[in-house]
Structures are given as structure tokens and as C-alpha cells.
Amino acid sequence: MQVGSASLLFPVSPSPSESAKTQPCTSEQARLLQDMRLAAVLAHASVPQPHPASACIKLQGFDDPQVAFSAKSTGQLLQSLAVFRTCSVKPLVQNADVLLAAAKKVVGPTVVTSVVRHTFFKHFCGGECEHTLKPTADMLRQHGIRPILNYAAEDDVSDAPTAVESADAAAERASDCNLRPFLKSVEDAGNREGKGFVQAKVTCLGNCDMMKQVSAHFTSVSRITGHHVEDLRACLAAVLTPHHLHLFDNMVHRMESIAEAAASKGNVRLLIDAEHSYMQPAIDAVAIHLQAKYNKQTPVVFNTYQCYLKDSHQRLEADIHLAKQKGFLLAAKVVRGAYMHLERDRAAEMGYPSPIQDSLEDTHFNYNRCIGEMMRSCKDDKFEMMVASHNQASVEAAVALMHDLDMHPTNSGVHFGQLLGMADHLTYTLGGNGYQAYKAVPYGPVEETIAYLLRRAKENSDMLGGVGKETAMLRSELWRRMKCNNPITQFFSKQPAEAMLAGTA
């Protein structure tokens, strides 16, 4: 395969010669690609044939606002810019829950809910039910992007018990109620053309106290391989009370119901969300159990690896080894992580070492090597993965590594995912060039998704406040449209939009 052959790299693009070009790497892109290549080499005996050291694959649109935002109306661009600017005000974001509670007391919950619905909910969520998701899903598909349906029940604290039931009974009632929208999402995803994803949060489907006990047990054995057991239920029967074992059985049954429904569709994948580290071992155990059962021929069930956790690379390596040993297809969603502040605060409060990487650079390195190692397994072992990142350099390096490994954009088992309302310049560019691009589309009643929106804002306030490039691209495209459609602006403008934006940013 020739390095400069854009027609081989982008065979599904309508005009590949114009969509891709080889450009000099920035130092960051070169470092990321080197990390990914190193991981691929360390994990396997063979060495991928790399690009020249000075070259990276560049997709038109990552840096071109007109291409990146061609699918967006001017109103949508203004909304995006307003949301990002608001999220960059850290005191506002960090105290959003207190401010919302105060606002409800002053103007009432109806007014507050309406404001949230028409601002942040509209930007980050796809709708309040499966039916209202259709316009968003259809719009994404028109641009080569598929939705990841995500029922955004976000709390790991169950509904308050009634006067005649216990807290555990209330939790079970809530979990049974939460199961229905997940099954409906699988049905909806399966009825759409192409491969669909459904995202599931295990804490919405089981008792959290039980999950903490299960996690504590596996951690006491080994955080890396403690959940690698032949018979999951028999293992836990020796350490859980009969009541908690019953709760565990119920949770597994709900997860199996979703996985079974996804497997029966043939074109649906189940993404299991990562959660707090003190419940993650239980989630990992359930994920491995489901993968061993349903991933024999097709990688139906994906587990999520949060690379800001110090042990994530070791766990990924161990799970890759286990999958090969047991004969099932591992599927992994690789993310940096979304609970950093909570994890560090809890570790400090309870007096144990923080599970979070010591620096941002450590997280980047860990993410890159996990991507590199997993991608090579996709190539050699027919595993599947999702590169879930808003970091442009990481996405570009992953695309370049696919080129190194001669992996086709559409059938290599490598997917790319970003959140709805963020990193549109990445998702739309990937989708437009034939890559398997996805948007995570949360949905649910506004009141139930407020917790999701608050966590997304709090845990990602640094990212939201630091999307300088994306906001600059938004301003540039807005100015271009205004300039093109306004004869007065055209007449008086003496300098390029980019220069004017640079002076006002």
C-alpha cells in the first residue's frame, strides 16, 4: 500500500483526492502516533509499516469551518457558541445544581425546566423519548453519522421508597422501569439501516450497594484479573448474602435481556458505560460474562476502559489475553474518563491513593497506547473498538495508524464516537470521509436528564471551557456566513474573517 494513495485510504469517499491529503505532522500529532505505534509493536511481534516520520493523514474539515459545519444552520451555530461560552464560566458550572435549585424556588420548576429544555437539553440531548429522537437521528445519517442511543438516567441513587416498601425494593422497581427504554432503544436501533449502538448504564439496572460489595470482593482478589472467573454466580454465592445474590441475579438478567435483544437484531451493538471506580469491578465482571456469552461470532457487547485510571491499560491487556484464551471477540470503547473530580475527592476523603493518573500527559500516553494495542487486535483478531475522543490530535493519529495497518475505514471494526453537541468538526469530517462515525445521543425526560447535563458540565468543565479551536471555528463560520449574505459587510470588510476573529477573540 502506498503511503500517498488517498484513493486506497478513502475508497468510499465521493472525491477522495480532495478529501484527504498528506501534511506535515505537528509535534503533538507525531508524539501521539508514535505512542500508538509503540503499543501496537509491543503487543505483537510484527511491526506496522509506518508513514514517513514527517507525514500524517489529514482529513479536510478538521480545520475547515465551512466543511465542518456545512450541516448546521446559523441558528444552531449561534446556539453552540452560546452554550460553549456559558460552560467556560467555571463558577457557574461548578455551582449549577445549587443555582438550579434556587431558581426552582424563585420562579418554579416549570419555568426552570422550560429554560433547560430550550438551551442545554436542546444542545446536548436528542429528545425526551424514542419518538422525538427521529429528527436528530435522520439528520445525522444524512451526513454519514449514526446515533448511539443513550437513555440518560444518570443517578446511582434510586427513587425514594414508598411507605410499604424497602429501599432495596424501590431500587428494584426503578431498575425494572429503566429496563424498558433500553430495550426500546435496541428495537429502534435494529430497525434502522446499518450498524447501530445502544449505550447502557449498569447502575440504572441494579442495586448500587450490592455492586459495591461485588466490586470490593474482586478488588480484594486482584483489581486486574479478579473478575476473570469461570462461573460468576458460583464465585459470588460464597461472598454475598442470599438477598444480595438475588439482587445480583436480577441485575445480570436485565443486562442479558438487553444483550440478547441486541444479538437477535444482528446489527446492534451494546456499549456498557464505565462508571465510578468503586463499582467498576462489578461492571467489568458483568461485561466479561456477557462478552463470553454473546461475542462468539460477532462482537455484540462492548466494555468501556477509562484511560485516566492508572490500572486501565493492565486491565485491557488482561481482557485481550482472556478473550483470545476463551475464544470470544473482545470489544472495547476507549475513553479518557468523566469522573475525575469525584474520584480524587473520594480518594482524599477516604484516605486511599487516587486511582487517577498523576498528570494529563500520563492520561494522554495511556490513552494512546490503549488505542494502539486495541487497534492492532482489531486488525489481527477481528476484535472491535470505539475511539471515543474529542481530542483532534488523537483522532488524527488513530486515522494514521489505521492507514499504517492497511485498515479500511468502513469494515475494519474501528468506530469513532463523540458526544452530541460537541466536536462536530471531528464527527462530521469522519462521517463525510467514510469512517464509521457516531454521535452519542442522550435522551429522556428533561427532569431525569438534568443530572446527566450537570455531570457532563462539571466533569468536563475544563474541556468545555478549553474548546478554543471549536469556538474559534464557530465564530469564523458565523462571520463567513454573515459576510457572504450581507452586502454592507462585504463592501466595508477589508481583511479576512480569520484575521478579524483573531483580533476580537
Protein backbone atom coordinates (compact mmCIF):
# COMPACT_ATOMS: atom_id res chain seq x y z
CA MET A 1 0.00 0.00 0.00
CA GLN A 2 1.42 3.35 -0.98
CA VAL A 3 1.58 5.99 1.69
CA GLY A 4 0.34 8.74 -0.56
CA SER A 5 -2.52 6.76 -2.08
CA ALA A 6 -5.60 8.67 -1.00
CA SER A 7 -7.79 6.51 -3.23
CA LEU A 8 -6.82 3.45 -1.21
CA LEU A 9 -7.22 5.22 2.11
CA PHE A 10 -10.62 6.71 1.33
CA PRO A 11 -12.19 4.37 -1.22
CA VAL A 12 -15.76 5.22 -0.17
CA SER A 13 -15.39 8.99 -0.38
CA PRO A 14 -17.05 10.60 -3.41
CA SER A 15 -13.99 12.74 -4.09
CA PRO A 16 -11.11 11.14 -2.18
CA SER A 17 -8.40 13.15 -3.83
CA GLU A 18 -9.94 16.31 -2.43
CA SER A 19 -10.91 14.85 0.95
CA ALA A 20 -7.54 13.62 2.13
CA LYS A 21 -4.03 14.86 1.89
CA THR A 22 -0.72 14.11 3.49
CA GLN A 23 0.61 17.00 5.54
CA PRO A 24 3.45 17.50 7.97
CA CYS A 25 2.64 16.34 11.48
CA THR A 26 2.56 18.75 14.35
CA SER A 27 4.81 17.69 17.22
CA GLU A 28 1.75 16.59 19.23
CA GLN A 29 0.33 14.51 16.39
CA ALA A 30 3.71 12.86 15.81
CA ARG A 31 4.02 12.01 19.52
CA LEU A 32 0.51 10.54 19.65
CA LEU A 33 1.08 8.43 16.56
CA GLN A 34 4.42 7.25 17.93
CA ASP A 35 2.74 6.18 21.19
CA MET A 36 0.06 4.26 19.31
CA ARG A 37 2.60 2.56 17.05
CA LEU A 38 4.72 1.65 20.06
CA ALA A 39 1.74 -0.01 21.73
CA ALA A 40 0.95 -1.97 18.57
CA VAL A 41 4.56 -3.14 18.32
CA LEU A 42 4.83 -4.09 22.00
CA ALA A 43 1.59 -6.06 21.85
CA HIS A 44 2.53 -8.01 18.72
CA ALA A 45 5.69 -9.36 17.19
CA SER A 46 5.19 -7.71 13.81
CA VAL A 47 5.79 -4.03 13.20
CA PRO A 48 3.23 -1.99 11.20
CA GLN A 49 4.62 -0.24 8.16
CA PRO A 50 4.54 3.43 9.16
CA HIS A 51 4.11 6.64 7.23
CA PRO A 52 7.23 8.70 6.74
CA ALA A 53 8.10 10.30 10.10
CA SER A 54 7.22 13.74 8.78
CA ALA A 55 3.78 12.89 7.39
CA CYS A 56 0.28 12.47 8.81
CA ILE A 57 -3.07 11.83 7.21
CA LYS A 58 -5.16 14.97 7.21
CA LEU A 59 -8.91 14.98 6.52
CA GLN A 60 -10.35 18.12 5.02
CA GLY A 61 -12.84 19.53 7.53
CA PHE A 62 -10.94 19.03 10.76
CA ASP A 63 -9.57 22.54 10.21
CA ASP A 64 -12.05 23.96 7.69
CA PRO A 65 -15.10 25.57 9.37
CA GLN A 66 -17.13 25.71 6.17
CA VAL A 67 -16.73 21.98 5.60
CA ALA A 68 -17.05 21.01 9.26
CA PHE A 69 -20.26 22.97 9.89
CA SER A 70 -21.92 22.61 6.48
CA ALA A 71 -24.76 20.60 8.04
CA LYS A 72 -25.53 23.23 10.69
CA SER A 73 -27.90 26.16 10.37
CA THR A 74 -26.77 29.59 11.51
CA GLY A 75 -29.13 29.34 14.46
CA GLN A 76 -27.55 26.05 15.51
CA LEU A 77 -24.07 27.57 15.29
CA LEU A 78 -25.15 30.51 17.46
CA GLN A 79 -26.64 28.09 19.99
CA SER A 80 -23.43 26.05 20.10
CA LEU A 81 -21.31 29.14 20.60
CA ALA A 82 -23.57 30.40 23.41
CA VAL A 83 -23.51 27.03 25.20
CA PHE A 84 -19.73 26.73 25.00
CA ARG A 85 -19.22 30.26 26.26
CA THR A 86 -21.56 29.61 29.19
CA CYS A 87 -19.80 26.35 30.05
CA SER A 88 -16.47 28.17 30.11
CA VAL A 89 -17.61 30.12 33.19
CA LYS A 90 -16.36 27.67 35.82
CA PRO A 91 -18.05 29.20 38.89
CA LEU A 92 -21.36 28.96 37.07
CA VAL A 93 -20.78 25.36 36.03
CA GLN A 94 -19.49 24.18 39.41
CA ASN A 95 -22.49 25.66 41.24
CA ALA A 96 -25.10 24.85 38.61
CA ASP A 97 -27.02 22.39 40.81
CA VAL A 98 -27.31 24.95 43.63
CA LEU A 99 -28.36 27.67 41.18
CA LEU A 100 -30.98 25.43 39.60
CA ALA A 101 -32.43 24.51 42.98
CA ALA A 102 -32.59 28.19 43.96
CA ALA A 103 -34.20 29.12 40.65
CA LYS A 104 -36.89 26.48 41.13
CA LYS A 105 -37.80 28.06 44.47
CA VAL A 106 -37.96 31.54 42.98
CA VAL A 107 -39.68 31.04 39.60
CA GLY A 108 -40.91 27.48 39.93
CA PRO A 109 -39.80 24.17 38.43
CA THR A 110 -41.92 24.58 35.29
CA VAL A 111 -40.08 27.72 34.21
CA VAL A 112 -36.66 26.23 35.04
CA THR A 113 -37.43 23.03 33.14
CA SER A 114 -38.56 25.05 30.13
CA VAL A 115 -35.35 27.10 30.13
CA VAL A 116 -33.20 23.96 30.39
CA ARG A 117 -35.23 22.26 27.64
CA HIS A 118 -34.63 25.06 25.15
CA THR A 119 -30.93 25.58 25.93
CA PHE A 120 -28.62 22.88 27.28
CA PHE A 121 -31.04 20.00 26.78
CA LYS A 122 -31.64 21.03 23.18
CA HIS A 123 -27.89 21.20 22.56
CA PHE A 124 -26.70 18.02 24.27
CA CYS A 125 -29.76 15.72 24.10
CA GLY A 126 -31.72 14.23 21.23
CA GLY A 127 -35.22 14.33 22.71
CA GLU A 128 -37.41 13.25 25.59
CA CYS A 129 -38.46 9.85 24.20
CA GLU A 130 -37.72 7.44 21.37
CA HIS A 131 -40.19 9.16 19.03
CA THR A 132 -38.63 12.63 19.38
CA LEU A 133 -35.20 11.18 18.58
CA LYS A 134 -36.08 10.58 14.94
CA PRO A 135 -35.28 14.05 13.50
CA THR A 136 -31.84 14.06 15.16
CA ALA A 137 -31.06 10.50 14.05
CA ASP A 138 -32.21 11.18 10.49
CA MET A 139 -30.15 14.37 10.29
CA LEU A 140 -27.02 12.55 11.46
CA ARG A 141 -27.47 9.74 8.96
CA GLN A 142 -27.70 12.20 6.11
CA HIS A 143 -24.07 13.07 6.89
CA GLY A 144 -22.70 9.57 7.30
CA ILE A 145 -23.10 9.55 11.10
CA ARG A 146 -25.04 7.02 13.15
CA PRO A 147 -26.53 7.59 16.60
CA ILE A 148 -25.55 5.86 19.82
CA LEU A 149 -28.85 5.77 21.69
CA ASN A 150 -28.33 6.56 25.35
CA TYR A 151 -31.19 6.67 27.83
CA ALA A 152 -29.71 9.28 30.15
CA ALA A 153 -30.91 8.09 33.54
CA GLU A 154 -27.86 9.31 35.41
CA ASP A 155 -28.21 8.79 39.14
CA ASP A 156 -26.87 5.86 41.13
CA VAL A 157 -29.36 6.68 43.91
CA SER A 158 -32.73 5.03 43.42
CA ASP A 159 -36.18 6.51 43.84
CA ALA A 160 -37.32 7.04 47.40
CA PRO A 161 -39.19 4.01 48.76
CA THR A 162 -42.91 4.18 49.33
CA ALA A 163 -44.45 3.69 52.74
CA VAL A 164 -44.85 -0.04 52.15
CA GLU A 165 -41.53 -0.96 50.53
CA SER A 166 -37.87 -1.07 51.46
CA ALA A 167 -35.06 0.89 49.85
CA ASP A 168 -33.95 -2.25 48.00
CA ALA A 169 -37.48 -2.83 46.72
CA ALA A 170 -37.60 0.76 45.46
CA ALA A 171 -34.27 0.26 43.71
CA GLU A 172 -35.56 -2.90 42.04
CA ARG A 173 -38.71 -1.12 40.94
CA ALA A 174 -36.67 1.69 39.42
CA SER A 175 -34.33 -0.78 37.69
CA ASP A 176 -37.27 -2.64 36.13
CA CYS A 177 -38.67 0.67 34.88
CA ASN A 178 -35.28 1.65 33.43
CA LEU A 179 -35.02 -1.62 31.50
CA ARG A 180 -37.90 -0.76 29.19
CA PRO A 181 -36.34 2.26 27.44
CA PHE A 182 -33.10 0.35 26.89
CA LEU A 183 -35.00 -2.49 25.19
CA LYS A 184 -36.95 0.06 23.15
CA SER A 185 -33.65 1.68 22.08
CA VAL A 186 -32.38 -1.72 20.86
CA GLU A 187 -35.58 -2.20 18.90
CA ASP A 188 -35.28 1.25 17.36
CA ALA A 189 -31.57 0.85 16.53
CA GLY A 190 -32.21 -2.53 14.94
CA ASN A 191 -34.91 -1.13 12.69
CA ARG A 192 -32.54 1.45 11.22
CA GLU A 193 -30.18 0.84 8.32
CA GLY A 194 -26.60 -0.11 9.16
CA LYS A 195 -24.91 -0.86 12.44
CA GLY A 196 -26.44 0.77 15.49
CA PHE A 197 -25.24 1.23 19.06
CA VAL A 198 -27.16 1.40 22.34
CA GLN A 199 -25.47 2.68 25.47
CA ALA A 200 -26.38 1.13 28.85
CA LYS A 201 -25.54 2.25 32.36
CA VAL A 202 -25.40 -0.72 34.74
CA THR A 203 -26.16 1.36 37.84
CA CYS A 204 -29.55 2.12 36.26
CA LEU A 205 -30.28 -1.60 36.17
CA GLY A 206 -29.09 -2.88 39.53
CA ASN A 207 -28.65 -2.26 43.22
CA CYS A 208 -25.67 0.01 43.85
CA ASP A 209 -24.92 -1.25 47.39
CA MET A 210 -24.75 -4.78 46.04
CA MET A 211 -22.45 -3.64 43.22
CA LYS A 212 -20.09 -2.00 45.73
CA GLN A 213 -19.88 -5.30 47.66
CA VAL A 214 -19.18 -7.26 44.48
CA SER A 215 -16.53 -4.74 43.45
CA ALA A 216 -14.86 -4.85 46.87
CA HIS A 217 -14.60 -8.63 46.61
CA PHE A 218 -13.00 -8.64 43.17
CA THR A 219 -10.62 -5.84 44.18
CA SER A 220 -9.51 -7.85 47.21
CA VAL A 221 -8.57 -10.71 44.88
CA SER A 222 -6.99 -8.63 42.09
CA ARG A 223 -8.16 -5.41 40.50
CA ILE A 224 -6.70 -6.55 37.19
CA THR A 225 -7.98 -10.13 36.91
CA GLY A 226 -10.23 -10.62 39.94
CA HIS A 227 -13.31 -10.60 37.69
CA HIS A 228 -11.89 -13.33 35.42
CA VAL A 229 -13.90 -16.22 36.86
CA GLU A 230 -15.32 -19.29 35.14
CA ASP A 231 -18.66 -19.20 36.97
CA LEU A 232 -19.54 -15.68 38.07
CA ARG A 233 -22.57 -16.61 40.12
CA ALA A 234 -20.89 -19.52 41.91
CA CYS A 235 -17.98 -17.25 42.82
CA LEU A 236 -20.26 -14.61 44.33
CA ALA A 237 -22.51 -17.14 46.10
CA ALA A 238 -19.65 -17.68 48.53
CA VAL A 239 -19.32 -13.99 49.45
CA LEU A 240 -22.79 -12.42 49.13
CA THR A 241 -25.81 -12.88 51.32
CA PRO A 242 -28.73 -14.71 49.67
CA HIS A 243 -30.55 -11.38 49.40
CA HIS A 244 -27.68 -9.62 47.65
CA LEU A 245 -27.09 -12.63 45.41
CA HIS A 246 -30.73 -12.37 44.37
CA LEU A 247 -30.21 -8.69 43.57
CA PHE A 248 -27.12 -9.61 41.54
CA ASP A 249 -29.10 -12.23 39.60
CA ASN A 250 -31.74 -9.63 38.80
CA MET A 251 -29.14 -7.17 37.50
CA VAL A 252 -27.48 -9.80 35.30
CA HIS A 253 -30.87 -10.89 33.99
CA ARG A 254 -31.68 -7.30 32.95
CA MET A 255 -28.32 -6.89 31.21
CA GLU A 256 -28.72 -10.25 29.48
CA SER A 257 -32.16 -9.16 28.27
CA ILE A 258 -30.62 -6.15 26.54
CA ALA A 259 -27.67 -8.13 25.15
CA GLU A 260 -29.99 -10.89 23.91
CA ALA A 261 -32.19 -8.34 22.18
CA ALA A 262 -29.14 -6.71 20.56
CA ALA A 263 -27.73 -10.07 19.43
CA SER A 264 -31.06 -11.11 17.93
CA LYS A 265 -31.12 -7.97 15.77
CA GLY A 266 -27.79 -8.75 14.18
CA ASN A 267 -26.89 -5.11 13.54
CA VAL A 268 -26.95 -3.68 17.08
CA ARG A 269 -24.03 -3.30 19.49
CA LEU A 270 -24.39 -2.76 23.24
CA LEU A 271 -21.99 -0.25 24.83
CA ILE A 272 -21.66 -0.75 28.58
CA ASP A 273 -20.76 2.55 30.23
CA ALA A 274 -17.83 2.86 32.61
CA GLU A 275 -18.74 4.32 35.99
CA HIS A 276 -17.16 5.12 39.36
CA SER A 277 -14.04 3.09 40.13
CA TYR A 278 -15.54 1.66 43.32
CA MET A 279 -18.29 -0.02 41.23
CA GLN A 280 -16.30 -0.69 38.06
CA PRO A 281 -15.02 -4.20 39.00
CA ALA A 282 -18.64 -5.42 39.22
CA ILE A 283 -19.38 -3.81 35.84
CA ASP A 284 -16.25 -5.39 34.33
CA ALA A 285 -17.33 -8.80 35.63
CA VAL A 286 -20.77 -8.49 34.07
CA ALA A 287 -19.26 -7.20 30.80
CA ILE A 288 -16.85 -10.15 30.54
CA HIS A 289 -19.70 -12.55 31.35
CA LEU A 290 -21.83 -11.05 28.56
CA GLN A 291 -18.97 -10.97 26.06
CA ALA A 292 -18.13 -14.62 26.70
CA LYS A 293 -21.79 -15.48 26.09
CA TYR A 294 -22.72 -13.20 23.17
CA ASN A 295 -19.44 -12.32 21.41
CA LYS A 296 -18.63 -15.72 19.96
CA GLN A 297 -19.28 -14.85 16.30
CA THR A 298 -19.99 -11.12 16.41
CA PRO A 299 -18.71 -8.56 18.93
CA VAL A 300 -22.14 -7.55 20.28
CA VAL A 301 -21.15 -6.30 23.76
CA PHE A 302 -18.57 -3.54 24.30
CA ASN A 303 -16.99 -2.69 27.65
CA THR A 304 -15.56 0.77 28.36
CA TYR A 305 -11.99 1.47 29.51
CA GLN A 306 -11.31 4.82 31.19
CA CYS A 307 -7.69 5.65 30.47
CA TYR A 308 -7.36 8.25 33.20
CA LEU A 309 -7.38 5.28 35.62
CA LYS A 310 -3.89 4.03 36.36
CA ASP A 311 -4.82 0.35 36.02
CA SER A 312 -6.80 0.65 32.78
CA HIS A 313 -4.03 -0.47 30.43
CA GLN A 314 -3.27 -3.55 32.52
CA ARG A 315 -6.96 -4.46 32.60
CA LEU A 316 -7.27 -4.03 28.83
CA GLU A 317 -4.19 -6.23 28.28
CA ALA A 318 -5.59 -8.89 30.63
CA ASP A 319 -9.00 -8.84 28.95
CA ILE A 320 -7.43 -9.13 25.47
CA HIS A 321 -5.48 -12.17 26.68
CA LEU A 322 -8.60 -13.69 28.27
CA ALA A 323 -10.67 -13.21 25.11
CA LYS A 324 -8.06 -14.98 23.00
CA GLN A 325 -7.77 -17.76 25.57
CA LYS A 326 -11.54 -18.31 25.93
CA GLY A 327 -12.38 -17.79 22.26
CA PHE A 328 -14.63 -14.74 22.29
CA LEU A 329 -14.32 -11.42 20.49
CA LEU A 330 -13.36 -8.55 22.77
CA ALA A 331 -15.00 -5.21 22.02
CA ALA A 332 -13.77 -2.06 23.74
CA LYS A 333 -14.78 1.57 23.91
CA VAL A 334 -11.68 3.58 24.86
CA VAL A 335 -12.25 6.90 26.63
CA ARG A 336 -10.17 9.22 28.77
CA GLY A 337 -12.76 9.39 31.56
CA ALA A 338 -15.53 11.50 33.06
CA TYR A 339 -15.43 11.20 36.87
CA MET A 340 -12.05 12.72 37.65
CA HIS A 341 -13.13 15.23 40.30
CA LEU A 342 -15.33 12.74 42.13
CA GLU A 343 -12.63 10.05 42.12
CA ARG A 344 -9.93 12.32 43.51
CA ASP A 345 -12.21 13.84 46.13
CA ARG A 346 -13.39 10.43 47.32
CA ALA A 347 -9.83 9.08 47.50
CA ALA A 348 -8.73 12.08 49.58
CA GLU A 349 -11.75 11.81 51.87
CA MET A 350 -11.36 8.06 52.47
CA GLY A 351 -7.56 8.07 52.65
CA TYR A 352 -6.58 5.77 49.80
CA PRO A 353 -4.33 6.55 46.80
CA SER A 354 -6.08 8.29 43.95
CA PRO A 355 -6.82 5.89 41.06
CA ILE A 356 -6.43 8.77 38.60
CA GLN A 357 -3.28 9.31 36.53
CA ASP A 358 -0.88 11.80 38.11
CA SER A 359 -0.88 14.17 35.15
CA LEU A 360 -2.73 14.97 31.94
CA GLU A 361 0.33 13.83 30.00
CA ASP A 362 0.13 10.42 31.70
CA THR A 363 -3.52 10.15 30.68
CA HIS A 364 -2.70 11.05 27.08
CA PHE A 365 0.09 8.47 26.92
CA ASN A 366 -2.11 5.78 28.44
CA TYR A 367 -4.94 6.58 26.03
CA ASN A 368 -2.63 6.41 23.03
CA ARG A 369 -1.12 3.06 23.95
CA CYS A 370 -4.56 1.56 24.68
CA ILE A 371 -5.77 2.74 21.26
CA GLY A 372 -2.66 1.34 19.57
CA GLU A 373 -2.86 -2.03 21.27
CA MET A 374 -6.59 -2.47 20.75
CA MET A 375 -6.44 -1.36 17.12
CA ARG A 376 -3.82 -3.97 16.31
CA SER A 377 -6.08 -6.59 17.91
CA CYS A 378 -8.90 -5.39 15.66
CA LYS A 379 -6.60 -6.00 12.71
CA ASP A 380 -5.27 -9.39 13.79
CA ASP A 381 -8.04 -10.91 15.91
CA LYS A 382 -11.24 -9.38 14.47
CA PHE A 383 -11.98 -7.53 17.69
CA GLU A 384 -13.88 -4.22 17.54
CA MET A 385 -13.28 -0.89 19.21
CA MET A 386 -14.60 2.63 19.50
CA VAL A 387 -12.17 5.55 19.60
CA ALA A 388 -14.23 7.85 21.83
CA SER A 389 -12.39 11.16 21.91
CA HIS A 390 -12.87 14.89 21.34
CA ASN A 391 -9.12 15.33 21.01
CA GLN A 392 -8.36 16.11 17.37
CA ALA A 393 -4.73 15.01 17.59
CA SER A 394 -5.77 11.62 18.99
CA VAL A 395 -8.37 11.14 16.25
CA GLU A 396 -5.89 12.08 13.54
CA ALA A 397 -3.27 9.75 14.98
CA ALA A 398 -5.82 6.92 15.11
CA VAL A 399 -6.70 7.53 11.45
CA ALA A 400 -3.00 7.48 10.57
CA LEU A 401 -2.48 4.21 12.47
CA MET A 402 -5.38 2.68 10.53
CA HIS A 403 -3.51 3.71 7.39
CA ASP A 404 -0.31 2.14 8.74
CA LEU A 405 -2.16 -1.13 9.35
CA ASP A 406 -3.99 -1.02 5.99
CA MET A 407 -7.38 -0.98 7.73
CA HIS A 408 -10.39 0.01 5.65
CA PRO A 409 -12.46 2.92 7.05
CA THR A 410 -15.80 1.12 6.82
CA ASN A 411 -15.19 -2.54 7.67
CA SER A 412 -12.14 -2.63 9.95
CA GLY A 413 -14.01 -2.85 13.25
CA VAL A 414 -12.81 0.62 14.26
CA HIS A 415 -15.50 3.16 15.15
CA PHE A 416 -15.20 6.79 16.20
CA GLY A 417 -17.54 8.43 18.69
CA GLN A 418 -18.19 11.90 20.07
CA LEU A 419 -20.97 13.41 22.17
CA LEU A 420 -23.93 15.12 20.56
CA GLY A 421 -23.32 18.86 20.63
CA MET A 422 -19.54 18.61 20.84
CA ALA A 423 -16.63 18.11 18.43
CA ASP A 424 -18.86 18.37 15.36
CA HIS A 425 -15.83 19.25 13.25
CA LEU A 426 -14.44 15.78 14.02
CA THR A 427 -17.59 13.67 13.68
CA TYR A 428 -18.92 15.27 10.51
CA THR A 429 -15.49 15.13 8.85
CA LEU A 430 -15.05 11.45 9.74
CA GLY A 431 -18.55 10.60 8.54
CA GLY A 432 -18.04 12.55 5.32
CA ASN A 433 -14.88 10.56 4.58
CA GLY A 434 -16.48 7.16 5.04
CA TYR A 435 -15.27 6.33 8.53
CA GLN A 436 -17.64 4.69 11.00
CA ALA A 437 -18.60 7.86 12.85
CA TYR A 438 -21.09 8.01 15.71
CA LYS A 439 -22.69 10.58 17.96
CA ALA A 440 -23.77 9.60 21.48
CA VAL A 441 -27.37 10.85 21.62
CA PRO A 442 -28.72 11.03 25.19
CA TYR A 443 -32.46 11.18 25.61
CA GLY A 444 -35.06 11.11 28.35
CA PRO A 445 -37.41 13.43 30.24
CA VAL A 446 -35.79 16.78 30.97
CA GLU A 447 -36.02 16.35 34.74
CA GLU A 448 -34.29 12.96 34.54
CA THR A 449 -31.52 14.18 32.23
CA ILE A 450 -30.65 17.26 34.30
CA ALA A 451 -28.33 15.05 36.39
CA TYR A 452 -26.62 13.94 33.17
CA LEU A 453 -26.24 17.53 31.97
CA LEU A 454 -24.82 18.66 35.31
CA ARG A 455 -22.29 15.83 35.41
CA ARG A 456 -21.30 16.45 31.81
CA ALA A 457 -20.76 20.12 32.58
CA LYS A 458 -18.95 19.60 35.91
CA GLU A 459 -16.70 16.73 34.94
CA ASN A 460 -15.85 18.29 31.59
CA SER A 461 -15.73 21.96 32.54
CA ASP A 462 -12.04 22.09 31.67
CA MET A 463 -12.74 20.51 28.29
CA LEU A 464 -15.81 22.65 27.63
CA GLY A 465 -14.00 25.78 28.67
CA GLY A 466 -10.99 24.82 26.62
CA VAL A 467 -12.64 24.14 23.28
CA GLY A 468 -10.87 27.22 21.96
CA LYS A 469 -10.40 25.81 18.49
CA GLU A 470 -14.01 24.73 18.14
CA THR A 471 -15.36 28.09 19.32
CA ALA A 472 -12.92 29.89 17.01
CA MET A 473 -14.14 27.75 14.11
CA LEU A 474 -17.74 28.55 15.04
CA ARG A 475 -17.01 32.28 15.08
CA SER A 476 -15.16 32.03 11.79
CA GLU A 477 -18.03 30.24 10.07
CA LEU A 478 -20.62 32.62 11.51
CA TRP A 479 -18.61 35.59 10.25
CA ARG A 480 -18.18 33.99 6.83
CA ARG A 481 -21.93 33.47 6.52
CA MET A 482 -22.69 36.98 7.67
CA LYS A 483 -20.12 38.40 5.29
CA CYS A 484 -21.41 36.37 2.35
CA ASN A 485 -25.03 37.28 2.97
CA ASN A 486 -24.62 40.92 3.95
CA PRO A 487 -23.70 43.34 1.11
CA ILE A 488 -22.79 46.10 3.60
CA THR A 489 -20.33 43.79 5.36
CA GLN A 490 -18.94 42.72 2.00
CA PHE A 491 -18.36 46.33 0.98
CA PHE A 492 -16.69 47.55 4.18
CA SER A 493 -14.72 44.42 5.09
CA LYS A 494 -11.04 44.94 4.25
CA GLN A 495 -9.49 41.93 5.95
CA PRO A 496 -10.11 38.18 6.09
CA ALA A 497 -12.53 36.83 8.65
CA GLU A 498 -9.78 34.85 10.36
CA ALA A 499 -7.73 37.99 10.96
CA MET A 500 -10.72 39.86 12.36
CA LEU A 501 -11.57 36.97 14.67
CA ALA A 502 -8.00 36.80 15.88
CA GLY A 503 -8.22 40.44 16.85
CA THR A 504 -11.50 40.05 18.75
CA ALA A 505 -11.04 36.64 20.35
